[in-house]
Amino acid sequence: MKHLSKTVTFGVYLLLASAAVAQTDNVTAEGLIQRLENVAPAAVLQNATLLDVPAEGEMTTLREGSNGWTCMYPGTDPMCADGAAMSFLEAWMKKEDPPQTLGFVYMLLGDEGASNTDPYATEETAENQWVVAGPHVMIVGSEAKQMLESYPQEVPEGANQPWVMWPGTPYAHLMIPVE
């Protein structure tokens, strides 16, 4: 699957940005590129598909890309994901088993927080190991399963070393902090 449909990708957005800050409507491709500056290497962003993800309304493709990457700014968690990672996100959104793929996601601007144990948690609780991650990349997909066995299943103090997010679920993936 090269790109997700607008409906599916909008569903992914809703899960990613359940507590997101609203964005300005009618963003342009150039405006989105400015917002996404430094979320991924410039070479990735330069030819990526760009998605406008408004707080309300239908998500739109601002620019079709040519390099297999999709970049978006769903609220407060900007990211760029390769095609395999987008398939992983679609499976997560639909609560289906992830495809037999290995994907990569850039989130070099960090995120606003998520549960380390519950893929569908929308807020911090005493039990869900809520973590706000700084700049990081993620390796996702069922093909990463063997790799995950050698990393901590809980967030290391300071979240400054790799760890497995959502361990014990089909959506377990490797979080790799970067400077």
Foldseek 3Di string as FASTA:
>chain_A
DLADDQVLVLLLLCQQAVPFDFDDPPAALVNFCVVCPQLDPPVQSVFAFEWEHGPDDTIDTRDHGDPQWYWYCSGFFTKIKGNLVNQLSSCLSVVHQRDQDKIKMWRQAWGDWDFQADSRDDDDDPPRQIDTAGGWMKIWHPPCVVVQVVAASHQDVVNQAKHWGNPPGSTIIIIGHDD
